[in-house]
């Protein structure tokens, strides 16, 4: 895909890597499937960097505007799923 990920310049290199990995999991959920456990692990790391719901919503909106993919939808599916389930946005 040819778009940029929503990042903040005050994040460390490791934090940027974790946030980009989370958004890559969103992409993977739309392209194929992701295991719920793997997704939730990436989401927990994301929340460690972005604990504010307002900032999360802002980043999700920026990502959706750039990619057309809804992070909120995948997070909601993952929260409703059980361990062992596969999450898919398609």
N, C-alpha and C. Protein backbone atom coordinates (compact mmCIF):
# COMPACT_ATOMS: atom_id res chain seq x y z
N UNK A 1 0.84 -1.18 0.00
CA UNK A 1 0.00 0.00 0.00
C UNK A 1 0.89 1.24 0.00
N UNK A 2 0.41 2.28 -0.64
CA UNK A 2 1.16 3.52 -0.76
C UNK A 2 0.52 4.63 0.07
N UNK A 3 0.71 4.57 1.36
CA UNK A 3 0.24 5.63 2.25
C UNK A 3 1.12 5.63 3.48
N UNK A 4 1.05 6.68 4.25
CA UNK A 4 1.88 6.76 5.45
C UNK A 4 1.04 6.44 6.68
N UNK A 5 1.72 5.93 7.69
CA UNK A 5 1.06 5.59 8.95
C UNK A 5 1.01 6.83 9.84
N UNK A 6 -0.03 6.93 10.66
CA UNK A 6 -0.10 8.07 11.58
C UNK A 6 0.88 7.85 12.75
N UNK A 7 1.91 8.67 12.79
CA UNK A 7 2.88 8.60 13.88
C UNK A 7 3.09 9.99 14.45
N UNK A 8 3.65 10.03 15.63
CA UNK A 8 3.96 11.30 16.28
C UNK A 8 5.47 11.41 16.43
N UNK A 9 5.98 12.58 16.21
CA UNK A 9 7.43 12.78 16.20
C UNK A 9 8.06 12.74 17.59
N UNK A 10 7.26 12.78 18.63
CA UNK A 10 7.81 12.69 19.98
C UNK A 10 7.91 11.24 20.47
N UNK A 11 7.48 10.27 19.65
CA UNK A 11 7.61 8.87 20.02
C UNK A 11 9.05 8.41 19.79
N UNK A 12 9.46 7.44 20.57
CA UNK A 12 10.78 6.83 20.35
C UNK A 12 10.72 5.92 19.12
N UNK A 13 11.88 5.51 18.67
CA UNK A 13 11.93 4.60 17.52
C UNK A 13 11.16 3.32 17.82
N UNK A 14 11.33 2.77 19.03
CA UNK A 14 10.63 1.54 19.40
C UNK A 14 9.12 1.76 19.43
N UNK A 15 8.67 2.90 19.92
CA UNK A 15 7.24 3.19 19.95
C UNK A 15 6.68 3.29 18.53
N UNK A 16 7.42 3.91 17.63
CA UNK A 16 6.98 4.00 16.23
C UNK A 16 6.87 2.61 15.63
N UNK A 17 7.85 1.75 15.91
CA UNK A 17 7.81 0.38 15.40
C UNK A 17 6.57 -0.36 15.91
N UNK A 18 6.25 -0.19 17.19
CA UNK A 18 5.09 -0.87 17.77
C UNK A 18 3.78 -0.36 17.17
N UNK A 19 3.66 0.94 16.97
CA UNK A 19 2.44 1.51 16.39
C UNK A 19 2.29 1.06 14.94
N UNK A 20 3.37 1.10 14.17
CA UNK A 20 3.30 0.65 12.78
C UNK A 20 2.94 -0.84 12.73
N UNK A 21 3.50 -1.63 13.63
CA UNK A 21 3.16 -3.06 13.68
C UNK A 21 1.67 -3.27 13.95
N UNK A 22 1.11 -2.45 14.83
CA UNK A 22 -0.33 -2.54 15.11
C UNK A 22 -1.13 -2.25 13.84
N UNK A 23 -0.79 -1.17 13.14
CA UNK A 23 -1.54 -0.83 11.93
C UNK A 23 -1.33 -1.88 10.82
N UNK A 24 -0.16 -2.51 10.80
CA UNK A 24 0.07 -3.60 9.86
C UNK A 24 -0.84 -4.79 10.18
N UNK A 25 -1.12 -5.00 11.45
CA UNK A 25 -2.06 -6.07 11.84
C UNK A 25 -3.47 -5.74 11.35
N UNK A 26 -3.84 -4.48 11.40
CA UNK A 26 -5.14 -4.05 10.86
C UNK A 26 -5.20 -4.39 9.37
N UNK A 27 -4.14 -4.04 8.65
CA UNK A 27 -4.08 -4.34 7.21
C UNK A 27 -4.21 -5.84 6.97
N UNK A 28 -3.47 -6.63 7.74
CA UNK A 28 -3.49 -8.08 7.57
C UNK A 28 -4.88 -8.64 7.82
N UNK A 29 -5.59 -8.07 8.80
CA UNK A 29 -6.95 -8.53 9.09
C UNK A 29 -7.87 -8.31 7.90
N UNK A 30 -7.65 -7.24 7.16
CA UNK A 30 -8.47 -6.98 5.98
C UNK A 30 -8.02 -7.81 4.78
N UNK A 31 -6.72 -8.08 4.67
CA UNK A 31 -6.20 -8.82 3.53
C UNK A 31 -6.44 -10.32 3.66
N UNK A 32 -6.23 -10.85 4.87
CA UNK A 32 -6.44 -12.28 5.11
C UNK A 32 -7.14 -12.43 6.46
N UNK A 33 -6.42 -12.92 7.44
CA UNK A 33 -6.94 -13.07 8.81
C UNK A 33 -5.77 -12.91 9.77
N UNK A 34 -6.08 -12.58 11.01
CA UNK A 34 -5.07 -12.56 12.07
C UNK A 34 -5.62 -13.31 13.28
N UNK A 35 -4.74 -13.93 14.01
CA UNK A 35 -5.15 -14.60 15.24
C UNK A 35 -5.49 -13.54 16.28
N UNK A 36 -6.57 -13.78 16.99
CA UNK A 36 -7.02 -12.81 17.99
C UNK A 36 -5.92 -12.52 19.01
N UNK A 37 -5.23 -13.56 19.49
CA UNK A 37 -4.20 -13.37 20.51
C UNK A 37 -3.09 -12.45 20.02
N UNK A 38 -2.64 -12.67 18.77
CA UNK A 38 -1.58 -11.84 18.20
C UNK A 38 -2.05 -10.40 18.05
N UNK A 39 -3.29 -10.24 17.59
CA UNK A 39 -3.82 -8.90 17.41
C UNK A 39 -3.93 -8.17 18.75
N UNK A 40 -4.47 -8.86 19.75
CA UNK A 40 -4.65 -8.22 21.06
C UNK A 40 -3.31 -7.87 21.70
N UNK A 41 -2.30 -8.67 21.46
CA UNK A 41 -0.96 -8.34 21.96
C UNK A 41 -0.46 -7.05 21.30
N UNK A 42 -0.64 -6.92 19.99
CA UNK A 42 -0.25 -5.70 19.29
C UNK A 42 -1.07 -4.51 19.77
N UNK A 43 -2.36 -4.73 20.04
CA UNK A 43 -3.23 -3.65 20.52
C UNK A 43 -2.81 -3.21 21.92
N UNK A 44 -2.45 -4.14 22.79
CA UNK A 44 -2.00 -3.77 24.13
C UNK A 44 -0.72 -2.93 24.07
N UNK A 45 0.19 -3.29 23.18
CA UNK A 45 1.41 -2.48 23.01
C UNK A 45 1.05 -1.09 22.49
N UNK A 46 0.13 -1.04 21.54
CA UNK A 46 -0.34 0.24 21.01
C UNK A 46 -0.93 1.09 22.13
N UNK A 47 -1.76 0.49 22.97
CA UNK A 47 -2.40 1.22 24.07
C UNK A 47 -1.37 1.68 25.11
N UNK A 48 -0.26 0.97 25.24
CA UNK A 48 0.80 1.40 26.13
C UNK A 48 1.45 2.69 25.66
N UNK A 49 1.42 2.91 24.37
CA UNK A 49 1.98 4.11 23.76
C UNK A 49 0.93 5.20 23.64
N UNK A 50 -0.31 4.79 23.37
CA UNK A 50 -1.42 5.72 23.16
C UNK A 50 -2.54 5.37 24.14
N UNK A 51 -2.38 5.72 25.42
CA UNK A 51 -3.40 5.35 26.40
C UNK A 51 -4.69 6.17 26.29
N UNK A 52 -4.61 7.35 25.73
CA UNK A 52 -5.77 8.24 25.63
C UNK A 52 -6.73 7.77 24.55
N UNK A 53 -8.01 7.63 24.90
CA UNK A 53 -9.03 7.25 23.91
C UNK A 53 -9.16 8.31 22.83
N UNK A 54 -9.03 9.58 23.21
CA UNK A 54 -9.14 10.66 22.23
C UNK A 54 -8.02 10.56 21.21
N UNK A 55 -6.80 10.31 21.67
CA UNK A 55 -5.67 10.18 20.75
C UNK A 55 -5.81 8.93 19.90
N UNK A 56 -6.32 7.84 20.49
CA UNK A 56 -6.57 6.61 19.73
C UNK A 56 -7.54 6.90 18.60
N UNK A 57 -8.64 7.57 18.90
CA UNK A 57 -9.63 7.89 17.88
C UNK A 57 -9.03 8.76 16.78
N UNK A 58 -8.18 9.70 17.16
CA UNK A 58 -7.52 10.57 16.17
C UNK A 58 -6.62 9.75 15.25
N UNK A 59 -5.82 8.87 15.83
CA UNK A 59 -4.93 8.03 15.02
C UNK A 59 -5.73 7.08 14.13
N UNK A 60 -6.80 6.49 14.67
CA UNK A 60 -7.64 5.61 13.87
C UNK A 60 -8.24 6.36 12.69
N UNK A 61 -8.69 7.59 12.93
CA UNK A 61 -9.28 8.40 11.87
C UNK A 61 -8.24 8.73 10.81
N UNK A 62 -7.04 9.12 11.23
CA UNK A 62 -5.97 9.43 10.28
C UNK A 62 -5.63 8.21 9.44
N UNK A 63 -5.55 7.04 10.08
CA UNK A 63 -5.23 5.82 9.35
C UNK A 63 -6.34 5.46 8.37
N UNK A 64 -7.60 5.60 8.79
CA UNK A 64 -8.71 5.29 7.90
C UNK A 64 -8.76 6.24 6.71
N UNK A 65 -8.49 7.51 6.94
CA UNK A 65 -8.48 8.47 5.84
C UNK A 65 -7.37 8.14 4.83
N UNK A 66 -6.23 7.66 5.33
CA UNK A 66 -5.10 7.34 4.44
C UNK A 66 -5.28 6.00 3.73
N UNK A 67 -5.89 5.03 4.43
CA UNK A 67 -5.92 3.66 3.90
C UNK A 67 -7.30 3.17 3.49
N UNK A 68 -8.35 3.76 4.06
CA UNK A 68 -9.70 3.26 3.82
C UNK A 68 -10.06 2.09 4.73
N UNK A 69 -9.18 1.75 5.69
CA UNK A 69 -9.40 0.61 6.58
C UNK A 69 -9.80 1.10 7.97
N UNK A 70 -10.83 0.48 8.53
CA UNK A 70 -11.33 0.89 9.84
C UNK A 70 -10.65 0.10 10.96
N UNK A 71 -9.80 0.78 11.71
CA UNK A 71 -9.14 0.16 12.87
C UNK A 71 -10.18 -0.16 13.93
N UNK A 72 -11.11 0.75 14.13
CA UNK A 72 -12.15 0.56 15.15
C UNK A 72 -12.90 -0.75 14.92
N UNK A 73 -13.23 -1.03 13.69
CA UNK A 73 -13.99 -2.25 13.36
C UNK A 73 -13.22 -3.50 13.75
N UNK A 74 -11.91 -3.52 13.45
CA UNK A 74 -11.11 -4.70 13.75
C UNK A 74 -10.91 -4.84 15.26
N UNK A 75 -10.68 -3.74 15.96
CA UNK A 75 -10.54 -3.79 17.41
C UNK A 75 -11.83 -4.31 18.04
N UNK A 76 -12.96 -3.83 17.56
CA UNK A 76 -14.26 -4.28 18.09
C UNK A 76 -14.45 -5.79 17.85
N UNK A 77 -14.12 -6.25 16.64
CA UNK A 77 -14.23 -7.69 16.35
C UNK A 77 -13.33 -8.50 17.26
N UNK A 78 -12.12 -8.01 17.49
CA UNK A 78 -11.16 -8.74 18.33
C UNK A 78 -11.64 -8.80 19.78
N UNK A 79 -12.19 -7.70 20.27
CA UNK A 79 -12.68 -7.69 21.66
C UNK A 79 -13.87 -8.62 21.85
N UNK A 80 -14.67 -8.78 20.82
CA UNK A 80 -15.84 -9.65 20.90
C UNK A 80 -15.51 -11.12 20.66
N UNK A 81 -14.36 -11.39 20.06
CA UNK A 81 -13.96 -12.76 19.72
C UNK A 81 -13.38 -13.48 20.94
N UNK A 82 -13.17 -14.76 20.77
CA UNK A 82 -12.57 -15.59 21.81
C UNK A 82 -11.16 -15.97 21.40
N UNK A 83 -10.34 -16.32 22.39
CA UNK A 83 -9.00 -16.80 22.08
C UNK A 83 -9.12 -18.01 21.14
N UNK A 84 -8.24 -18.05 20.17
CA UNK A 84 -8.28 -19.12 19.17
C UNK A 84 -9.02 -18.72 17.91
N UNK A 85 -9.81 -17.65 17.99
CA UNK A 85 -10.52 -17.17 16.81
C UNK A 85 -9.60 -16.42 15.87
N UNK A 86 -9.98 -16.37 14.62
CA UNK A 86 -9.26 -15.57 13.63
C UNK A 86 -10.13 -14.34 13.34
N UNK A 87 -9.48 -13.19 13.22
CA UNK A 87 -10.16 -11.94 12.98
C UNK A 87 -9.98 -11.57 11.51
N UNK A 88 -11.09 -11.21 10.87
CA UNK A 88 -11.04 -10.83 9.46
C UNK A 88 -11.97 -9.66 9.22
N UNK A 89 -11.47 -8.68 8.47
CA UNK A 89 -12.28 -7.51 8.16
C UNK A 89 -13.05 -7.66 6.86
N UNK A 90 -12.82 -8.77 6.17
CA UNK A 90 -13.54 -8.94 4.90
C UNK A 90 -14.83 -9.70 5.06
